[in-house]
Amino acid sequence: MTRHAHLMELPEHVCRVVKHGHAANPGTGPAGETCRTCKHKAAVHHARRYWKCGLTRATWTGGPGSDIRLKDPSCRYWEGCRDAR
């Protein structure tokens, strides 16, 4: 028996860890708004610019798993910002 065999007895949705960059499901925020217009968006600069949600900073990775797309629909934590570049 493996060390984590007890997890096999649990339903899949309990065991599964979903990694994504959004603080909540995209599309749960105000209609017509996107991540581009949210004050929580953050740019991380490496060889190029990668967009992340500032509310999920503790879970940022060095890969695409924590990236967001600026054209994604807003989530329920959306807050407007002045600079919507």
Protein backbone atom coordinates (compact mmCIF):
# COMPACT_ATOMS: atom_id res chain seq x y z
CA MET A 1 0.00 0.00 0.00
CA THR A 2 1.39 3.37 -0.98
CA ARG A 3 1.73 6.27 1.39
CA HIS A 4 -1.26 8.11 -0.08
CA ALA A 5 -3.44 5.12 -0.92
CA HIS A 6 -6.20 6.44 1.35
CA LEU A 7 -6.76 9.27 -1.14
CA MET A 8 -7.93 6.75 -3.72
CA GLU A 9 -11.05 6.19 -1.62
CA LEU A 10 -12.11 9.85 -1.82
CA PRO A 11 -14.16 11.27 -4.68
CA GLU A 12 -12.02 12.77 -7.44
CA HIS A 13 -13.23 16.35 -6.89
CA VAL A 14 -11.99 16.22 -3.28
CA CYS A 15 -8.50 14.98 -4.22
CA ARG A 16 -7.95 17.16 -7.25
CA VAL A 17 -6.07 20.42 -6.81
CA VAL A 18 -6.90 22.88 -9.55
CA LYS A 19 -4.08 25.31 -10.29
CA HIS A 20 -4.97 28.50 -12.03
CA GLY A 21 -4.05 32.13 -11.73
CA HIS A 22 -7.48 33.54 -10.98
CA ALA A 23 -8.70 34.34 -7.47
CA ALA A 24 -12.17 33.04 -8.44
CA ASN A 25 -13.75 31.52 -11.54
CA PRO A 26 -13.57 33.84 -14.54
CA GLY A 27 -17.01 35.06 -15.56
CA THR A 28 -18.33 35.45 -12.00
CA GLY A 29 -17.67 39.20 -11.91
CA PRO A 30 -19.36 42.20 -13.50
CA ALA A 31 -20.56 41.64 -17.05
CA GLY A 32 -18.38 43.20 -19.72
CA GLU A 33 -15.32 43.57 -17.49
CA THR A 34 -12.04 41.68 -17.94
CA CYS A 35 -8.82 41.11 -16.06
CA ARG A 36 -7.35 43.99 -18.10
CA THR A 37 -9.56 46.47 -16.24
CA CYS A 38 -8.97 44.99 -12.76
CA LYS A 39 -6.74 46.70 -10.23
CA HIS A 40 -5.42 43.33 -8.99
CA LYS A 41 -3.61 42.43 -12.22
CA ALA A 42 0.15 42.34 -11.84
CA ALA A 43 2.92 42.14 -14.42
CA VAL A 44 5.90 39.91 -13.69
CA HIS A 45 8.91 40.71 -15.86
CA HIS A 46 11.38 38.01 -16.85
CA ALA A 47 12.44 37.52 -20.47
CA ARG A 48 8.98 38.89 -21.25
CA ARG A 49 5.97 40.12 -19.30
CA TYR A 50 3.65 37.60 -17.63
CA TRP A 51 0.33 38.64 -16.13
CA LYS A 52 -0.76 37.36 -12.74
CA CYS A 53 -3.55 38.10 -10.28
CA GLY A 54 -2.19 39.94 -7.26
CA LEU A 55 -4.74 38.26 -5.02
CA THR A 56 -3.11 34.88 -5.67
CA ARG A 57 0.48 36.03 -5.10
CA ALA A 58 1.10 33.25 -2.53
CA THR A 59 0.46 30.60 -5.20
CA TRP A 60 2.42 32.10 -8.10
CA THR A 61 4.68 29.66 -9.88
CA GLY A 62 7.48 30.18 -12.34
CA GLY A 63 5.37 28.59 -15.05
CA PRO A 64 2.13 29.21 -16.92
CA GLY A 65 -0.03 27.59 -14.24
CA SER A 66 -0.45 30.87 -12.39
CA ASP A 67 -0.70 33.16 -15.42
CA ILE A 68 -3.88 34.98 -16.37
CA ARG A 69 -4.96 36.38 -19.72
CA LEU A 70 -5.99 40.01 -19.72
CA LYS A 71 -8.92 39.16 -21.98
CA ASP A 72 -10.38 36.67 -19.48
CA PRO A 73 -13.79 37.66 -18.08
CA SER A 74 -13.70 39.25 -14.64
CA CYS A 75 -14.05 37.20 -11.46
CA ARG A 76 -16.09 38.06 -8.39
CA TYR A 77 -13.10 39.86 -6.80
CA TRP A 78 -12.81 42.30 -9.71
CA GLU A 79 -12.20 45.92 -8.73
CA GLY A 80 -11.86 48.67 -11.27
CA CYS A 81 -8.68 50.60 -11.88
CA ARG A 82 -7.90 53.85 -13.64
CA ASP A 83 -5.16 52.42 -15.86
CA ALA A 84 -6.79 49.80 -18.11
CA ARG A 85 -3.84 49.34 -20.49
